[in-house]
Structures are given as structure tokens and as C-alpha cells.
PDB file of N, CA and C in Angstrom:
ATOM      1  N   UNK A   1       2.526  -1.422   5.328  1.00  0.00           N
ATOM      2  CA  UNK A   1       2.908  -0.086   4.982  1.00  0.00           C
ATOM      3  C   UNK A   1       1.999   0.876   5.732  1.00  0.00           C
ATOM      4  N   UNK A   2       2.609   1.883   6.278  1.00  0.00           N
ATOM      5  CA  UNK A   2       1.817   2.918   6.941  1.00  0.00           C
ATOM      6  C   UNK A   2       1.898   4.185   6.101  1.00  0.00           C
ATOM      7  N   UNK A   3       0.735   4.807   5.898  1.00  0.00           N
ATOM      8  CA  UNK A   3       0.665   5.996   5.063  1.00  0.00           C
ATOM      9  C   UNK A   3       0.138   7.183   5.850  1.00  0.00           C
ATOM     10  N   UNK A   4       0.573   8.352   5.428  1.00  0.00           N
ATOM     11  CA  UNK A   4       0.059   9.614   5.942  1.00  0.00           C
ATOM     12  C   UNK A   4      -0.529  10.371   4.755  1.00  0.00           C
ATOM     13  N   UNK A   5      -1.702  10.954   4.942  1.00  0.00           N
ATOM     14  CA  UNK A   5      -2.409  11.689   3.892  1.00  0.00           C
ATOM     15  C   UNK A   5      -2.517  13.158   4.299  1.00  0.00           C
ATOM     16  N   UNK A   6      -1.503  13.970   4.010  1.00  0.00           N
ATOM     17  CA  UNK A   6      -1.517  15.355   4.486  1.00  0.00           C
ATOM     18  C   UNK A   6      -2.599  16.224   3.854  1.00  0.00           C
ATOM     19  N   UNK A   7      -3.036  15.899   2.655  1.00  0.00           N
ATOM     20  CA  UNK A   7      -4.007  16.732   1.939  1.00  0.00           C
ATOM     21  C   UNK A   7      -5.445  16.227   2.046  1.00  0.00           C
ATOM     22  N   UNK A   8      -5.668  15.150   2.781  1.00  0.00           N
ATOM     23  CA  UNK A   8      -7.000  14.543   2.878  1.00  0.00           C
ATOM     24  C   UNK A   8      -7.766  15.175   4.032  1.00  0.00           C
ATOM     25  N   UNK A   9      -9.075  15.405   3.821  1.00  0.00           N
ATOM     26  CA  UNK A   9      -9.886  16.080   4.831  1.00  0.00           C
ATOM     27  C   UNK A   9     -11.110  15.284   5.267  1.00  0.00           C
ATOM     28  N   UNK A  10     -11.227  14.025   4.810  1.00  0.00           N
ATOM     29  CA  UNK A  10     -12.370  13.207   5.225  1.00  0.00           C
ATOM     30  C   UNK A  10     -12.047  11.731   5.018  1.00  0.00           C
ATOM     31  N   UNK A  11     -12.784  10.878   5.737  1.00  0.00           N
ATOM     32  CA  UNK A  11     -12.636   9.434   5.548  1.00  0.00           C
ATOM     33  C   UNK A  11     -13.009   9.023   4.131  1.00  0.00           C
ATOM     34  N   UNK A  12     -14.023   9.659   3.590  1.00  0.00           N
ATOM     35  CA  UNK A  12     -14.462   9.335   2.228  1.00  0.00           C
ATOM     36  C   UNK A  12     -13.341   9.588   1.221  1.00  0.00           C
ATOM     37  N   UNK A  13     -12.667  10.701   1.369  1.00  0.00           N
ATOM     38  CA  UNK A  13     -11.563  11.039   0.470  1.00  0.00           C
ATOM     39  C   UNK A  13     -10.404  10.054   0.638  1.00  0.00           C
ATOM     40  N   UNK A  14     -10.082   9.702   1.891  1.00  0.00           N
ATOM     41  CA  UNK A  14      -9.015   8.737   2.153  1.00  0.00           C
ATOM     42  C   UNK A  14      -9.347   7.393   1.528  1.00  0.00           C
ATOM     43  N   UNK A  15     -10.568   6.934   1.707  1.00  0.00           N
ATOM     44  CA  UNK A  15     -10.967   5.632   1.165  1.00  0.00           C
ATOM     45  C   UNK A  15     -10.949   5.619  -0.357  1.00  0.00           C
ATOM     46  N   UNK A  16     -11.275   6.741  -0.975  1.00  0.00           N
ATOM     47  CA  UNK A  16     -11.229   6.837  -2.430  1.00  0.00           C
ATOM     48  C   UNK A  16      -9.775   6.697  -2.926  1.00  0.00           C
ATOM     49  N   UNK A  17      -8.854   7.374  -2.253  1.00  0.00           N
ATOM     50  CA  UNK A  17      -7.438   7.292  -2.623  1.00  0.00           C
ATOM     51  C   UNK A  17      -6.912   5.880  -2.403  1.00  0.00           C
ATOM     52  N   UNK A  18      -7.256   5.277  -1.257  1.00  0.00           N
ATOM     53  CA  UNK A  18      -6.809   3.911  -0.980  1.00  0.00           C
ATOM     54  C   UNK A  18      -7.386   2.913  -1.971  1.00  0.00           C
ATOM     55  N   UNK A  19      -8.639   3.076  -2.352  1.00  0.00           N
ATOM     56  CA  UNK A  19      -9.263   2.175  -3.324  1.00  0.00           C
ATOM     57  C   UNK A  19      -8.502   2.203  -4.651  1.00  0.00           C
ATOM     58  N   UNK A  20      -8.162   3.403  -5.114  1.00  0.00           N
ATOM     59  CA  UNK A  20      -7.398   3.522  -6.366  1.00  0.00           C
ATOM     60  C   UNK A  20      -6.026   2.870  -6.234  1.00  0.00           C
ATOM     61  N   UNK A  21      -5.359   3.095  -5.091  1.00  0.00           N
ATOM     62  CA  UNK A  21      -4.045   2.497  -4.866  1.00  0.00           C
ATOM     63  C   UNK A  21      -4.148   0.978  -4.824  1.00  0.00           C
ATOM     64  N   UNK A  22      -5.115   0.456  -4.068  1.00  0.00           N
ATOM     65  CA  UNK A  22      -5.292  -0.996  -3.972  1.00  0.00           C
ATOM     66  C   UNK A  22      -5.613  -1.602  -5.330  1.00  0.00           C
ATOM     67  N   UNK A  23      -6.492  -0.974  -6.084  1.00  0.00           N
ATOM     68  CA  UNK A  23      -6.838  -1.489  -7.413  1.00  0.00           C
ATOM     69  C   UNK A  23      -5.628  -1.500  -8.339  1.00  0.00           C
ATOM     70  N   UNK A  24      -4.833  -0.434  -8.302  1.00  0.00           N
ATOM     71  CA  UNK A  24      -3.651  -0.355  -9.162  1.00  0.00           C
ATOM     72  C   UNK A  24      -2.621  -1.420  -8.790  1.00  0.00           C
ATOM     73  N   UNK A  25      -2.357  -1.592  -7.489  1.00  0.00           N
ATOM     74  CA  UNK A  25      -1.382  -2.600  -7.058  1.00  0.00           C
ATOM     75  C   UNK A  25      -1.856  -4.006  -7.395  1.00  0.00           C
ATOM     76  N   UNK A  26      -3.137  -4.270  -7.191  1.00  0.00           N
ATOM     77  CA  UNK A  26      -3.690  -5.589  -7.498  1.00  0.00           C
ATOM     78  C   UNK A  26      -3.584  -5.886  -8.986  1.00  0.00           C
ATOM     79  N   UNK A  27      -3.929  -4.929  -9.816  1.00  0.00           N
ATOM     80  CA  UNK A  27      -3.892  -5.138 -11.268  1.00  0.00           C
ATOM     81  C   UNK A  27      -2.462  -5.251 -11.794  1.00  0.00           C
ATOM     82  N   UNK A  28      -1.575  -4.423 -11.292  1.00  0.00           N
ATOM     83  CA  UNK A  28      -0.219  -4.362 -11.833  1.00  0.00           C
ATOM     84  C   UNK A  28       0.687  -5.477 -11.316  1.00  0.00           C
ATOM     85  N   UNK A  29       0.496  -5.884 -10.050  1.00  0.00           N
ATOM     86  CA  UNK A  29       1.418  -6.833  -9.435  1.00  0.00           C
ATOM     87  C   UNK A  29       0.771  -8.154  -9.026  1.00  0.00           C
ATOM     88  N   UNK A  30      -0.526  -8.317  -9.239  1.00  0.00           N
ATOM     89  CA  UNK A  30      -1.245  -9.543  -8.883  1.00  0.00           C
ATOM     90  C   UNK A  30      -1.033  -9.895  -7.408  1.00  0.00           C
ATOM     91  N   UNK A  31      -1.292  -8.938  -6.525  1.00  0.00           N
ATOM     92  CA  UNK A  31      -1.143  -9.113  -5.082  1.00  0.00           C
ATOM     93  C   UNK A  31      -2.486  -8.887  -4.405  1.00  0.00           C
ATOM     94  N   UNK A  32      -2.584  -9.313  -3.162  1.00  0.00           N
ATOM     95  CA  UNK A  32      -3.761  -9.017  -2.340  1.00  0.00           C
ATOM     96  C   UNK A  32      -3.424  -7.822  -1.456  1.00  0.00           C
ATOM     97  N   UNK A  33      -4.345  -6.880  -1.368  1.00  0.00           N
ATOM     98  CA  UNK A  33      -4.113  -5.646  -0.615  1.00  0.00           C
ATOM     99  C   UNK A  33      -5.303  -5.406   0.306  1.00  0.00           C
ATOM    100  N   UNK A  34      -5.020  -5.045   1.575  1.00  0.00           N
ATOM    101  CA  UNK A  34      -6.098  -4.763   2.526  1.00  0.00           C
ATOM    102  C   UNK A  34      -5.669  -3.662   3.486  1.00  0.00           C
ATOM    103  N   UNK A  35      -6.612  -2.801   3.838  1.00  0.00           N
ATOM    104  CA  UNK A  35      -6.376  -1.807   4.879  1.00  0.00           C
ATOM    105  C   UNK A  35      -6.548  -2.515   6.216  1.00  0.00           C
ATOM    106  N   UNK A  36      -5.497  -2.514   7.042  1.00  0.00           N
ATOM    107  CA  UNK A  36      -5.524  -3.292   8.279  1.00  0.00           C
ATOM    108  C   UNK A  36      -5.370  -2.439   9.540  1.00  0.00           C
ATOM    109  N   UNK A  37      -5.249  -1.134   9.385  1.00  0.00           N
ATOM    110  CA  UNK A  37      -5.111  -0.295  10.567  1.00  0.00           C
ATOM    111  C   UNK A  37      -5.523   1.135  10.301  1.00  0.00           C
ATOM    112  N   UNK A  38      -5.928   1.812  11.373  1.00  0.00           N
ATOM    113  CA  UNK A  38      -6.357   3.214  11.323  1.00  0.00           C
ATOM    114  C   UNK A  38      -7.535   3.428  10.371  1.00  0.00           C
ATOM    115  N   UNK A  39      -8.453   2.481  10.317  1.00  0.00           N
ATOM    116  CA  UNK A  39      -9.596   2.612   9.409  1.00  0.00           C
ATOM    117  C   UNK A  39     -10.450   3.838   9.714  1.00  0.00           C
ATOM    118  N   UNK A  40     -10.476   4.282  10.955  1.00  0.00           N
ATOM    119  CA  UNK A  40     -11.338   5.401  11.335  1.00  0.00           C
ATOM    120  C   UNK A  40     -10.611   6.745  11.411  1.00  0.00           C
ATOM    121  N   UNK A  41      -9.339   6.769  11.035  1.00  0.00           N
ATOM    122  CA  UNK A  41      -8.596   8.028  11.002  1.00  0.00           C
ATOM    123  C   UNK A  41      -8.469   8.481   9.558  1.00  0.00           C
ATOM    124  N   UNK A  42      -8.743   9.738   9.282  1.00  0.00           N
ATOM    125  CA  UNK A  42      -8.776  10.195   7.899  1.00  0.00           C
ATOM    126  C   UNK A  42      -7.434  10.600   7.330  1.00  0.00           C
ATOM    127  N   UNK A  43      -6.386  10.719   8.147  1.00  0.00           N
ATOM    128  CA  UNK A  43      -5.082  11.094   7.607  1.00  0.00           C
ATOM    129  C   UNK A  43      -4.035   9.998   7.732  1.00  0.00           C
ATOM    130  N   UNK A  44      -4.432   8.814   8.192  1.00  0.00           N
ATOM    131  CA  UNK A  44      -3.473   7.712   8.337  1.00  0.00           C
ATOM    132  C   UNK A  44      -4.113   6.411   7.893  1.00  0.00           C
ATOM    133  N   UNK A  45      -3.263   5.468   7.475  1.00  0.00           N
ATOM    134  CA  UNK A  45      -3.737   4.137   7.111  1.00  0.00           C
ATOM    135  C   UNK A  45      -2.575   3.158   7.205  1.00  0.00           C
ATOM    136  N   UNK A  46      -2.898   1.924   7.541  1.00  0.00           N
ATOM    137  CA  UNK A  46      -1.940   0.830   7.465  1.00  0.00           C
ATOM    138  C   UNK A  46      -2.494  -0.148   6.446  1.00  0.00           C
ATOM    139  N   UNK A  47      -1.676  -0.473   5.460  1.00  0.00           N
ATOM    140  CA  UNK A  47      -2.090  -1.348   4.368  1.00  0.00           C
ATOM    141  C   UNK A  47      -1.152  -2.548   4.327  1.00  0.00           C
ATOM    142  N   UNK A  48      -1.730  -3.742   4.208  1.00  0.00           N
ATOM    143  CA  UNK A  48      -0.949  -4.971   4.070  1.00  0.00           C
ATOM    144  C   UNK A  48      -1.043  -5.455   2.633  1.00  0.00           C
ATOM    145  N   UNK A  49       0.087  -5.920   2.118  1.00  0.00           N
ATOM    146  CA  UNK A  49       0.152  -6.487   0.771  1.00  0.00           C
ATOM    147  C   UNK A  49       0.674  -7.910   0.915  1.00  0.00           C
ATOM    148  N   UNK A  50      -0.037  -8.861   0.310  1.00  0.00           N
ATOM    149  CA  UNK A  50       0.372 -10.264   0.398  1.00  0.00           C
ATOM    150  C   UNK A  50       0.598 -10.826  -1.000  1.00  0.00           C
ATOM    151  N   UNK A  51       1.678 -11.613  -1.124  1.00  0.00           N
ATOM    152  CA  UNK A  51       1.946 -12.309  -2.380  1.00  0.00           C
ATOM    153  C   UNK A  51       2.659 -13.611  -2.067  1.00  0.00           C
ATOM    154  N   UNK A  52       2.595 -14.548  -3.015  1.00  0.00           N
ATOM    155  CA  UNK A  52       3.137 -15.886  -2.811  1.00  0.00           C
ATOM    156  C   UNK A  52       4.082 -16.222  -3.956  1.00  0.00           C
ATOM    157  N   UNK A  53       5.205 -16.855  -3.603  1.00  0.00           N
ATOM    158  CA  UNK A  53       6.147 -17.333  -4.606  1.00  0.00           C
ATOM    159  C   UNK A  53       6.920 -18.500  -4.018  1.00  0.00           C
ATOM    160  N   UNK A  54       7.379 -19.372  -4.871  1.00  0.00           N
ATOM    161  CA  UNK A  54       8.176 -20.511  -4.419  1.00  0.00           C
ATOM    162  C   UNK A  54       9.614 -20.142  -4.124  1.00  0.00           C
ATOM    163  N   UNK A  55      10.032 -18.951  -4.562  1.00  0.00           N
ATOM    164  CA  UNK A  55      11.412 -18.515  -4.372  1.00  0.00           C
ATOM    165  C   UNK A  55      11.447 -17.080  -3.853  1.00  0.00           C
ATOM    166  N   UNK A  56      12.496 -16.759  -3.126  1.00  0.00           N
ATOM    167  CA  UNK A  56      12.623 -15.439  -2.510  1.00  0.00           C
ATOM    168  C   UNK A  56      12.967 -14.307  -3.490  1.00  0.00           C
ATOM    169  N   UNK A  57      13.894 -14.483  -4.435  1.00  0.00           N
ATOM    170  CA  UNK A  57      14.268 -13.357  -5.308  1.00  0.00           C
ATOM    171  C   UNK A  57      13.105 -12.695  -6.053  1.00  0.00           C
ATOM    172  N   UNK A  58      12.151 -13.450  -6.620  1.00  0.00           N
ATOM    173  CA  UNK A  58      11.028 -12.767  -7.275  1.00  0.00           C
ATOM    174  C   UNK A  58      10.195 -11.922  -6.306  1.00  0.00           C
ATOM    175  N   UNK A  59      10.066 -12.390  -5.071  1.00  0.00           N
ATOM    176  CA  UNK A  59       9.339 -11.610  -4.065  1.00  0.00           C
ATOM    177  C   UNK A  59      10.077 -10.318  -3.744  1.00  0.00           C
ATOM    178  N   UNK A  60      11.383 -10.410  -3.583  1.00  0.00           N
ATOM    179  CA  UNK A  60      12.171  -9.217  -3.275  1.00  0.00           C
ATOM    180  C   UNK A  60      12.081  -8.192  -4.403  1.00  0.00           C
ATOM    181  N   UNK A  61      12.110  -8.662  -5.646  1.00  0.00           N
ATOM    182  CA  UNK A  61      11.984  -7.757  -6.793  1.00  0.00           C
ATOM    183  C   UNK A  61      10.606  -7.109  -6.813  1.00  0.00           C
ATOM    184  N   UNK A  62       9.573  -7.900  -6.547  1.00  0.00           N
ATOM    185  CA  UNK A  62       8.209  -7.366  -6.540  1.00  0.00           C
ATOM    186  C   UNK A  62       8.035  -6.338  -5.430  1.00  0.00           C
ATOM    187  N   UNK A  63       8.585  -6.606  -4.260  1.00  0.00           N
ATOM    188  CA  UNK A  63       8.495  -5.657  -3.142  1.00  0.00           C
ATOM    189  C   UNK A  63       9.161  -4.336  -3.523  1.00  0.00           C
ATOM    190  N   UNK A  64      10.318  -4.409  -4.153  1.00  0.00           N
ATOM    191  CA  UNK A  64      11.017  -3.191  -4.575  1.00  0.00           C
ATOM    192  C   UNK A  64      10.189  -2.411  -5.595  1.00  0.00           C
ATOM    193  N   UNK A  65       9.565  -3.104  -6.541  1.00  0.00           N
ATOM    194  CA  UNK A  65       8.747  -2.430  -7.555  1.00  0.00           C
ATOM    195  C   UNK A  65       7.488  -1.822  -6.938  1.00  0.00           C
ATOM    196  N   UNK A  66       6.882  -2.533  -5.985  1.00  0.00           N
ATOM    197  CA  UNK A  66       5.690  -2.013  -5.305  1.00  0.00           C
ATOM    198  C   UNK A  66       6.044  -0.762  -4.508  1.00  0.00           C
ATOM    199  N   UNK A  67       7.151  -0.826  -3.801  1.00  0.00           N
ATOM    200  CA  UNK A  67       7.581   0.339  -3.018  1.00  0.00           C
ATOM    201  C   UNK A  67       7.841   1.541  -3.928  1.00  0.00           C
ATOM    202  N   UNK A  68       8.498   1.306  -5.058  1.00  0.00           N
ATOM    203  CA  UNK A  68       8.762   2.377  -6.017  1.00  0.00           C
ATOM    204  C   UNK A  68       7.455   2.947  -6.568  1.00  0.00           C
ATOM    205  N   UNK A  69       6.512   2.080  -6.891  1.00  0.00           N
ATOM    206  CA  UNK A  69       5.208   2.516  -7.409  1.00  0.00           C
ATOM    207  C   UNK A  69       4.506   3.431  -6.404  1.00  0.00           C
ATOM    208  N   UNK A  70       4.560   3.052  -5.136  1.00  0.00           N
ATOM    209  CA  UNK A  70       3.897   3.841  -4.092  1.00  0.00           C
ATOM    210  C   UNK A  70       4.596   5.184  -3.899  1.00  0.00           C
ATOM    211  N   UNK A  71       5.929   5.163  -3.866  1.00  0.00           N
ATOM    212  CA  UNK A  71       6.674   6.405  -3.654  1.00  0.00           C
ATOM    213  C   UNK A  71       6.515   7.372  -4.822  1.00  0.00           C
ATOM    214  N   UNK A  72       6.368   6.848  -6.035  1.00  0.00           N
ATOM    215  CA  UNK A  72       6.201   7.701  -7.213  1.00  0.00           C
ATOM    216  C   UNK A  72       4.757   8.153  -7.402  1.00  0.00           C
ATOM    217  N   UNK A  73       3.834   7.539  -6.674  1.00  0.00           N
ATOM    218  CA  UNK A  73       2.409   7.824  -6.813  1.00  0.00           C
ATOM    219  C   UNK A  73       2.091   9.287  -6.540  1.00  0.00           C
ATOM    220  N   UNK A  74       2.565   9.805  -5.421  1.00  0.00           N
ATOM    221  CA  UNK A  74       2.347  11.202  -5.088  1.00  0.00           C
ATOM    222  C   UNK A  74       1.074  11.502  -4.316  1.00  0.00           C
ATOM    223  N   UNK A  75       0.091  10.604  -4.316  1.00  0.00           N
ATOM    224  CA  UNK A  75      -1.152  10.878  -3.591  1.00  0.00           C
ATOM    225  C   UNK A  75      -1.092  10.413  -2.144  1.00  0.00           C
ATOM    226  N   UNK A  76      -0.149   9.526  -1.833  1.00  0.00           N
ATOM    227  CA  UNK A  76       0.028   9.070  -0.456  1.00  0.00           C
ATOM    228  C   UNK A  76       1.483   9.306  -0.060  1.00  0.00           C
ATOM    229  N   UNK A  77       1.686   9.518   1.226  1.00  0.00           N
ATOM    230  CA  UNK A  77       3.025   9.731   1.752  1.00  0.00           C
ATOM    231  C   UNK A  77       3.388   8.543   2.639  1.00  0.00           C
ATOM    232  N   UNK A  78       4.301   7.669   2.185  1.00  0.00           N
ATOM    233  CA  UNK A  78       4.677   6.519   3.010  1.00  0.00           C
ATOM    234  C   UNK A  78       5.340   6.987   4.309  1.00  0.00           C
ATOM    235  N   UNK A  79       4.847   6.486   5.434  1.00  0.00           N
ATOM    236  CA  UNK A  79       5.418   6.837   6.728  1.00  0.00           C
ATOM    237  C   UNK A  79       6.281   5.701   7.272  1.00  0.00           C
ATOM    238  N   UNK A  80       5.930   4.467   6.933  1.00  0.00           N
ATOM    239  CA  UNK A  80       6.669   3.296   7.415  1.00  0.00           C
ATOM    240  C   UNK A  80       6.460   2.157   6.431  1.00  0.00           C
ATOM    241  N   UNK A  81       7.508   1.412   6.177  1.00  0.00           N
ATOM    242  CA  UNK A  81       7.441   0.305   5.228  1.00  0.00           C
ATOM    243  C   UNK A  81       8.177  -0.871   5.848  1.00  0.00           C
ATOM    244  N   UNK A  82       7.491  -1.975   6.100  1.00  0.00           N
ATOM    245  CA  UNK A  82       8.108  -3.163   6.682  1.00  0.00           C
ATOM    246  C   UNK A  82       7.797  -4.369   5.812  1.00  0.00           C
ATOM    247  N   UNK A  83       8.753  -5.299   5.731  1.00  0.00           N
ATOM    248  CA  UNK A  83       8.588  -6.503   4.918  1.00  0.00           C
ATOM    249  C   UNK A  83       8.837  -7.717   5.800  1.00  0.00           C
ATOM    250  N   UNK A  84       7.992  -8.723   5.642  1.00  0.00           N
ATOM    251  CA  UNK A  84       8.152  -9.976   6.376  1.00  0.00           C
ATOM    252  C   UNK A  84       8.008 -11.124   5.387  1.00  0.00           C
ATOM    253  N   UNK A  85       9.017 -11.994   5.356  1.00  0.00           N
ATOM    254  CA  UNK A  85       8.977 -13.177   4.493  1.00  0.00           C
ATOM    255  C   UNK A  85       8.737 -14.395   5.366  1.00  0.00           C
ATOM    256  N   UNK A  86       7.794 -15.233   4.968  1.00  0.00           N
ATOM    257  CA  UNK A  86       7.492 -16.442   5.738  1.00  0.00           C
ATOM    258  C   UNK A  86       7.890 -17.673   4.965  1.00  0.00           C
TER     259      UNK A  86
END
């Protein structure tokens, strides 16, 4: 997922927002979350979310719920959302 932070004015502020988002997603959906791109830019971030399941439908449902959670959050603006199933 790629995010844009229009109201953020420092790396510290961006990291604080991302930390809250990562903690919430990890607690609510039992997923692993990591910032994987644009670490040094204060208005952009790329975040990867990883989860494991033996079947595809539960993953698809979880992805939809995670996307909804992020879009309803209001503190980050999703710029790009891609899903890859292995």
C-alpha cells in the first residue's frame, strides 16, 4: 500500500501516524506490517502487510476489511493498493 500524508510536516509526525496504523492493524487483524518504501520522505510511505492462510477466501475477506479500515481511518490517504497472493 502506498500512502500520501497531506497534513504531515516532518518524518517524526509521519512515523508516529504509521506506528499507530501498524499497531492497530496488527492487533485487529493479526497481520505483520512493515514500512518498505519512502522511509526518508515525510509525505509518502509504502507499507507491506503479510498474512497466512490455508485457503484464499479468508485472505480476500481480510484484505477487504484491512482496506476498509485504512480508508475509514482518515489520518492517511491511500494512493495505491496492490494485492499479491502466493
